[in-house]
Structures are given as C-alpha cells and as structure tokens.
Amino acid sequence: MLHQLLKSKMHRAMITSADIEYEGSIEIPADLMNAAGLWAGEKVLVASITSGNRLETYVQEGPAGTGDIIINGGAAHRIKKGERVAIMAFGLSETPILPKRILLDEKNNIIRQS
C-alpha cells in the first residue's frame, strides 16, 4: 500500500517578491532546492505562517545564492512579499521516508538542516 509522506520541507522561508503577471509557480534558488531535495517542476504545498493561506504550485529553479523566493501568478494574490512560509513536497512510498528539512532565516540562509 502506498502512503503519501513528507519528503522535503523548507521552514520559515521568506517570500522576497511576488509577481502577479508571471504565468505561475514559485521560484526557489537552486542551492536551496538541492538542500531540500526539490526538483524543478515538482508540485509543492506552500503554507503561509504569516497569513494562514495555503496553495499548491510547482517549483521553478532560480539562480543559486540569491536567497530570492518569488511567488508568481495568481498565487501572488494569496501569499505576498514579506510573508514567512513553509514549502513542502510529498512522495508516495510503501516504506517510511526520511524527509530533507531546512530551516531558513529572514534572508533565506540555511540555519539548520536535517
């Protein structure tokens, strides 16, 4: 039997920009994607710690080292620049998954990784 389990989590990420006119997605720097085990095009749940809003979108890879996490398209109406969010991806497995988790500071630097 397959179970849907957390595989990746970026906790307390800061949304640095929001672009309503973009076609959609959340842009995450490549180095943070790698640390969290996220892939370009992967579906994620974005939960705002600030407002409580939640939405699903897909990941777009951004330039490494910038710390810029950008919410795009219609999602920018629900989650805005300056909000703290948790970004989570889930996988299907018959056995437990040890998720990759990163905790970020206000500039999206990794302060803890597990």
N, C-alpha and C. Protein backbone atom coordinates (compact mmCIF):
# COMPACT_ATOMS: atom_id res chain seq x y z
N MET A 1 0.84 -1.19 0.00
CA MET A 1 0.00 0.00 0.00
C MET A 1 0.89 1.25 0.00
N LEU A 2 0.58 2.17 -0.89
CA LEU A 2 1.34 3.41 -0.95
C LEU A 2 0.81 4.43 0.05
N HIS A 3 1.73 5.12 0.69
CA HIS A 3 1.39 6.20 1.61
C HIS A 3 1.98 7.49 1.06
N GLN A 4 1.29 8.60 1.26
CA GLN A 4 1.83 9.90 0.87
C GLN A 4 2.53 10.48 2.09
N LEU A 5 3.84 10.73 1.95
CA LEU A 5 4.67 11.15 3.08
C LEU A 5 5.47 12.40 2.74
N LEU A 6 5.76 13.20 3.75
CA LEU A 6 6.62 14.37 3.57
C LEU A 6 8.00 13.91 3.12
N LYS A 7 8.52 14.52 2.05
CA LYS A 7 9.87 14.20 1.59
C LYS A 7 10.81 15.40 1.64
N SER A 8 10.24 16.61 1.59
CA SER A 8 11.05 17.84 1.59
C SER A 8 10.29 18.94 2.32
N LYS A 9 11.03 19.74 3.12
CA LYS A 9 10.40 20.89 3.77
C LYS A 9 11.40 22.02 3.93
N MET A 10 10.97 23.20 3.49
CA MET A 10 11.71 24.44 3.74
C MET A 10 10.86 25.22 4.73
N HIS A 11 11.36 25.37 5.96
CA HIS A 11 10.56 26.00 7.01
C HIS A 11 11.01 27.43 7.25
N ARG A 12 10.03 28.33 7.37
CA ARG A 12 10.21 29.75 7.66
C ARG A 12 10.93 30.49 6.53
N ALA A 13 10.70 30.03 5.28
CA ALA A 13 11.23 30.75 4.12
C ALA A 13 10.54 32.11 4.03
N MET A 14 11.27 33.11 3.56
CA MET A 14 10.74 34.46 3.38
C MET A 14 10.44 34.68 1.90
N ILE A 15 9.22 35.09 1.59
CA ILE A 15 8.88 35.45 0.21
C ILE A 15 9.50 36.82 -0.05
N THR A 16 10.42 36.88 -1.01
CA THR A 16 11.15 38.13 -1.26
C THR A 16 10.53 38.97 -2.37
N SER A 17 9.64 38.35 -3.16
CA SER A 17 8.99 39.08 -4.24
C SER A 17 7.72 38.33 -4.65
N ALA A 18 6.77 39.06 -5.22
CA ALA A 18 5.54 38.47 -5.73
C ALA A 18 5.22 39.14 -7.06
N ASP A 19 4.99 38.33 -8.10
CA ASP A 19 4.75 38.85 -9.45
C ASP A 19 3.45 38.26 -9.99
N ILE A 20 2.37 39.03 -9.88
CA ILE A 20 1.05 38.58 -10.32
C ILE A 20 1.03 38.34 -11.83
N GLU A 21 1.79 39.08 -12.60
CA GLU A 21 1.75 38.99 -14.06
C GLU A 21 2.49 37.77 -14.61
N TYR A 22 3.29 37.10 -13.78
CA TYR A 22 4.03 35.92 -14.27
C TYR A 22 3.07 34.76 -14.43
N GLU A 23 3.41 33.79 -15.27
CA GLU A 23 2.49 32.68 -15.60
C GLU A 23 2.19 31.76 -14.43
N GLY A 24 2.97 31.75 -13.40
CA GLY A 24 2.67 30.92 -12.24
C GLY A 24 3.88 30.16 -11.75
N SER A 25 3.86 29.73 -10.52
CA SER A 25 4.88 28.90 -9.86
C SER A 25 5.51 29.63 -8.68
N ILE A 26 6.44 28.94 -8.04
CA ILE A 26 7.26 29.56 -7.01
C ILE A 26 8.71 29.34 -7.42
N GLU A 27 9.46 30.42 -7.50
CA GLU A 27 10.87 30.34 -7.87
C GLU A 27 11.70 30.23 -6.59
N ILE A 28 12.57 29.21 -6.57
CA ILE A 28 13.42 28.93 -5.42
C ILE A 28 14.86 28.79 -5.93
N PRO A 29 15.84 29.42 -5.25
CA PRO A 29 17.22 29.29 -5.70
C PRO A 29 17.68 27.82 -5.74
N ALA A 30 18.49 27.50 -6.75
CA ALA A 30 18.95 26.13 -6.97
C ALA A 30 19.63 25.53 -5.75
N ASP A 31 20.41 26.33 -5.01
CA ASP A 31 21.12 25.78 -3.84
C ASP A 31 20.14 25.38 -2.74
N LEU A 32 19.06 26.14 -2.56
CA LEU A 32 18.06 25.78 -1.55
C LEU A 32 17.23 24.59 -2.02
N MET A 33 16.94 24.53 -3.32
CA MET A 33 16.23 23.36 -3.86
C MET A 33 17.03 22.09 -3.60
N ASN A 34 18.32 22.15 -3.87
CA ASN A 34 19.19 20.99 -3.67
C ASN A 34 19.22 20.58 -2.20
N ALA A 35 19.36 21.55 -1.31
CA ALA A 35 19.42 21.25 0.13
C ALA A 35 18.13 20.60 0.64
N ALA A 36 17.00 20.99 0.04
CA ALA A 36 15.71 20.45 0.47
C ALA A 36 15.28 19.23 -0.34
N GLY A 37 16.03 18.91 -1.38
CA GLY A 37 15.67 17.76 -2.21
C GLY A 37 14.49 18.02 -3.13
N LEU A 38 14.35 19.25 -3.60
CA LEU A 38 13.26 19.61 -4.52
C LEU A 38 13.76 19.59 -5.96
N TRP A 39 12.86 19.27 -6.89
CA TRP A 39 13.18 19.27 -8.32
C TRP A 39 12.38 20.35 -9.03
N ALA A 40 12.94 20.87 -10.11
CA ALA A 40 12.20 21.81 -10.96
C ALA A 40 10.96 21.10 -11.48
N GLY A 41 9.85 21.78 -11.43
CA GLY A 41 8.58 21.22 -11.88
C GLY A 41 7.82 20.42 -10.84
N GLU A 42 8.45 20.19 -9.69
CA GLU A 42 7.80 19.39 -8.64
C GLU A 42 6.66 20.18 -7.98
N LYS A 43 5.57 19.47 -7.70
CA LYS A 43 4.42 20.08 -7.02
C LYS A 43 4.77 20.29 -5.54
N VAL A 44 4.43 21.47 -5.02
CA VAL A 44 4.67 21.78 -3.62
C VAL A 44 3.42 22.41 -3.00
N LEU A 45 3.30 22.22 -1.71
CA LEU A 45 2.31 22.91 -0.90
C LEU A 45 3.03 24.06 -0.23
N VAL A 46 2.51 25.27 -0.40
CA VAL A 46 3.08 26.46 0.23
C VAL A 46 2.08 26.93 1.28
N ALA A 47 2.51 26.94 2.53
CA ALA A 47 1.65 27.33 3.65
C ALA A 47 2.22 28.58 4.30
N SER A 48 1.45 29.66 4.30
CA SER A 48 1.92 30.91 4.89
C SER A 48 1.81 30.85 6.41
N ILE A 49 2.92 31.06 7.07
CA ILE A 49 2.95 31.14 8.52
C ILE A 49 2.36 32.50 8.94
N THR A 50 2.51 33.49 8.07
CA THR A 50 2.05 34.85 8.35
C THR A 50 0.53 34.97 8.27
N SER A 51 -0.06 34.51 7.17
CA SER A 51 -1.50 34.73 6.94
C SER A 51 -2.36 33.49 7.11
N GLY A 52 -1.75 32.31 7.09
CA GLY A 52 -2.50 31.07 7.16
C GLY A 52 -2.98 30.56 5.81
N ASN A 53 -2.77 31.34 4.74
CA ASN A 53 -3.17 30.89 3.41
C ASN A 53 -2.30 29.72 2.96
N ARG A 54 -2.90 28.82 2.18
CA ARG A 54 -2.19 27.65 1.66
C ARG A 54 -2.53 27.52 0.18
N LEU A 55 -1.56 27.04 -0.60
CA LEU A 55 -1.80 26.80 -2.01
C LEU A 55 -0.81 25.77 -2.54
N GLU A 56 -1.19 25.18 -3.66
CA GLU A 56 -0.30 24.25 -4.36
C GLU A 56 0.16 24.91 -5.64
N THR A 57 1.42 24.69 -5.98
CA THR A 57 2.01 25.19 -7.22
C THR A 57 3.17 24.27 -7.57
N TYR A 58 3.99 24.70 -8.52
CA TYR A 58 5.16 23.91 -8.89
C TYR A 58 6.41 24.77 -8.73
N VAL A 59 7.55 24.08 -8.59
CA VAL A 59 8.83 24.76 -8.34
C VAL A 59 9.49 25.13 -9.67
N GLN A 60 9.99 26.35 -9.71
CA GLN A 60 10.84 26.80 -10.81
C GLN A 60 12.20 27.11 -10.22
N GLU A 61 13.26 26.62 -10.86
CA GLU A 61 14.61 26.85 -10.35
C GLU A 61 15.08 28.26 -10.63
N GLY A 62 15.58 28.93 -9.57
CA GLY A 62 16.14 30.26 -9.70
C GLY A 62 17.65 30.21 -9.52
N PRO A 63 18.32 31.33 -9.73
CA PRO A 63 19.77 31.37 -9.59
C PRO A 63 20.22 31.04 -8.16
N ALA A 64 21.24 30.22 -8.05
CA ALA A 64 21.79 29.84 -6.74
C ALA A 64 22.39 31.05 -6.03
N GLY A 65 22.30 31.04 -4.72
CA GLY A 65 22.97 32.05 -3.89
C GLY A 65 22.27 33.37 -3.73
N THR A 66 21.11 33.55 -4.35
CA THR A 66 20.43 34.85 -4.26
C THR A 66 19.57 34.97 -3.02
N GLY A 67 19.03 33.85 -2.53
CA GLY A 67 18.09 33.89 -1.42
C GLY A 67 16.70 34.36 -1.82
N ASP A 68 16.49 34.59 -3.12
CA ASP A 68 15.20 35.10 -3.60
C ASP A 68 14.20 33.97 -3.77
N ILE A 69 13.11 34.04 -3.03
CA ILE A 69 12.00 33.11 -3.19
C ILE A 69 10.81 33.94 -3.66
N ILE A 70 10.39 33.66 -4.90
CA ILE A 70 9.42 34.51 -5.58
C ILE A 70 8.14 33.72 -5.86
N ILE A 71 7.03 34.26 -5.42
CA ILE A 71 5.72 33.65 -5.68
C ILE A 71 5.13 34.35 -6.91
N ASN A 72 4.63 33.58 -7.85
CA ASN A 72 4.22 34.13 -9.14
C ASN A 72 2.77 33.81 -9.47
N GLY A 73 2.22 34.57 -10.41
CA GLY A 73 0.89 34.34 -10.94
C GLY A 73 -0.20 34.59 -9.90
N GLY A 74 -1.30 33.89 -10.07
CA GLY A 74 -2.45 34.06 -9.17
C GLY A 74 -2.11 33.79 -7.71
N ALA A 75 -1.11 32.95 -7.46
CA ALA A 75 -0.70 32.65 -6.09
C ALA A 75 -0.25 33.92 -5.35
N ALA A 76 0.23 34.92 -6.11
CA ALA A 76 0.68 36.17 -5.50
C ALA A 76 -0.47 36.98 -4.91
N HIS A 77 -1.72 36.62 -5.22
CA HIS A 77 -2.87 37.24 -4.56
C HIS A 77 -3.06 36.66 -3.16
N ARG A 78 -2.64 35.41 -2.96
CA ARG A 78 -2.87 34.70 -1.69
C ARG A 78 -1.69 34.82 -0.73
N ILE A 79 -0.48 34.83 -1.26
CA ILE A 79 0.73 34.92 -0.45
C ILE A 79 1.57 36.06 -1.01
N LYS A 80 1.98 36.96 -0.15
CA LYS A 80 2.60 38.21 -0.60
C LYS A 80 4.06 38.34 -0.15
N LYS A 81 4.75 39.28 -0.76
CA LYS A 81 6.13 39.60 -0.39
C LYS A 81 6.18 39.89 1.12
N GLY A 82 7.21 39.36 1.79
CA GLY A 82 7.38 39.60 3.21
C GLY A 82 6.73 38.55 4.11
N GLU A 83 5.97 37.62 3.52
CA GLU A 83 5.36 36.56 4.33
C GLU A 83 6.36 35.42 4.55
N ARG A 84 6.27 34.82 5.74
CA ARG A 84 7.03 33.61 6.07
C ARG A 84 6.18 32.42 5.66
N VAL A 85 6.82 31.43 5.03
CA VAL A 85 6.09 30.27 4.55
C VAL A 85 6.84 28.97 4.86
N ALA A 86 6.09 27.89 4.84
CA ALA A 86 6.66 26.55 4.80
C ALA A 86 6.36 26.01 3.41
N ILE A 87 7.38 25.45 2.76
CA ILE A 87 7.25 24.88 1.42
C ILE A 87 7.48 23.38 1.56
N MET A 88 6.48 22.59 1.20
CA MET A 88 6.55 21.14 1.44
C MET A 88 6.26 20.36 0.17
N ALA A 89 7.00 19.26 0.00
CA ALA A 89 6.74 18.31 -1.09
C ALA A 89 6.54 16.94 -0.46
N PHE A 90 5.71 16.15 -1.11
CA PHE A 90 5.35 14.83 -0.60
C PHE A 90 5.67 13.77 -1.64
N GLY A 91 5.97 12.58 -1.18
CA GLY A 91 6.24 11.46 -2.08
C GLY A 91 5.38 10.27 -1.72
N LEU A 92 5.23 9.36 -2.67
CA LEU A 92 4.49 8.12 -2.44
C LEU A 92 5.50 7.01 -2.18
N SER A 93 5.25 6.22 -1.13
CA SER A 93 6.18 5.15 -0.79
C SER A 93 5.45 4.06 -0.02
N GLU A 94 5.97 2.86 -0.12
CA GLU A 94 5.46 1.75 0.68
C GLU A 94 6.21 1.65 2.00
N THR A 95 7.31 2.39 2.12
CA THR A 95 8.12 2.38 3.33
C THR A 95 8.33 3.81 3.81
N PRO A 96 8.70 4.00 5.07
CA PRO A 96 8.91 5.36 5.58
C PRO A 96 9.97 6.13 4.77
N ILE A 97 9.80 7.42 4.69
CA ILE A 97 10.74 8.32 4.02
C ILE A 97 11.35 9.22 5.08
N LEU A 98 12.66 9.37 5.04
CA LEU A 98 13.33 10.33 5.92
C LEU A 98 13.39 11.66 5.16
N PRO A 99 12.54 12.63 5.53
CA PRO A 99 12.48 13.87 4.75
C PRO A 99 13.72 14.73 4.95
N LYS A 100 14.05 15.48 3.89
CA LYS A 100 15.07 16.53 3.99
C LYS A 100 14.35 17.77 4.49
N ARG A 101 14.89 18.39 5.53
CA ARG A 101 14.28 19.60 6.11
C ARG A 101 15.34 20.67 6.27
N ILE A 102 14.98 21.89 5.89
CA ILE A 102 15.87 23.02 6.14
C ILE A 102 15.07 24.12 6.83
N LEU A 103 15.73 24.80 7.77
CA LEU A 103 15.16 25.95 8.47
C LEU A 103 15.92 27.17 7.97
N LEU A 104 15.19 28.20 7.59
CA LEU A 104 15.80 29.39 7.00
C LEU A 104 15.64 30.61 7.89
N ASP A 105 16.59 31.54 7.77
CA ASP A 105 16.47 32.82 8.48
C ASP A 105 15.73 33.82 7.59
N GLU A 106 15.66 35.09 8.02
CA GLU A 106 14.88 36.10 7.29
C GLU A 106 15.46 36.45 5.92
N LYS A 107 16.72 36.04 5.65
CA LYS A 107 17.32 36.27 4.33
C LYS A 107 17.43 34.97 3.54
N ASN A 108 16.74 33.95 4.01
CA ASN A 108 16.70 32.63 3.38
C ASN A 108 18.06 31.94 3.35
N ASN A 109 18.84 32.19 4.40
CA ASN A 109 20.07 31.42 4.62
C ASN A 109 19.69 30.20 5.46
N ILE A 110 20.32 29.08 5.19
CA ILE A 110 20.05 27.87 5.95
C ILE A 110 20.67 28.00 7.33
N ILE A 111 19.84 27.83 8.37
CA ILE A 111 20.39 27.87 9.74
C ILE A 111 20.35 26.50 10.40
N ARG A 112 19.57 25.58 9.83
CA ARG A 112 19.58 24.20 10.30
C ARG A 112 19.13 23.29 9.18
N GLN A 113 19.77 22.14 9.12
CA GLN A 113 19.48 21.18 8.06
C GLN A 113 19.42 19.79 8.67
N SER A 114 18.42 19.00 8.25
CA SER A 114 18.36 17.61 8.71
C SER A 114 17.79 16.74 7.63
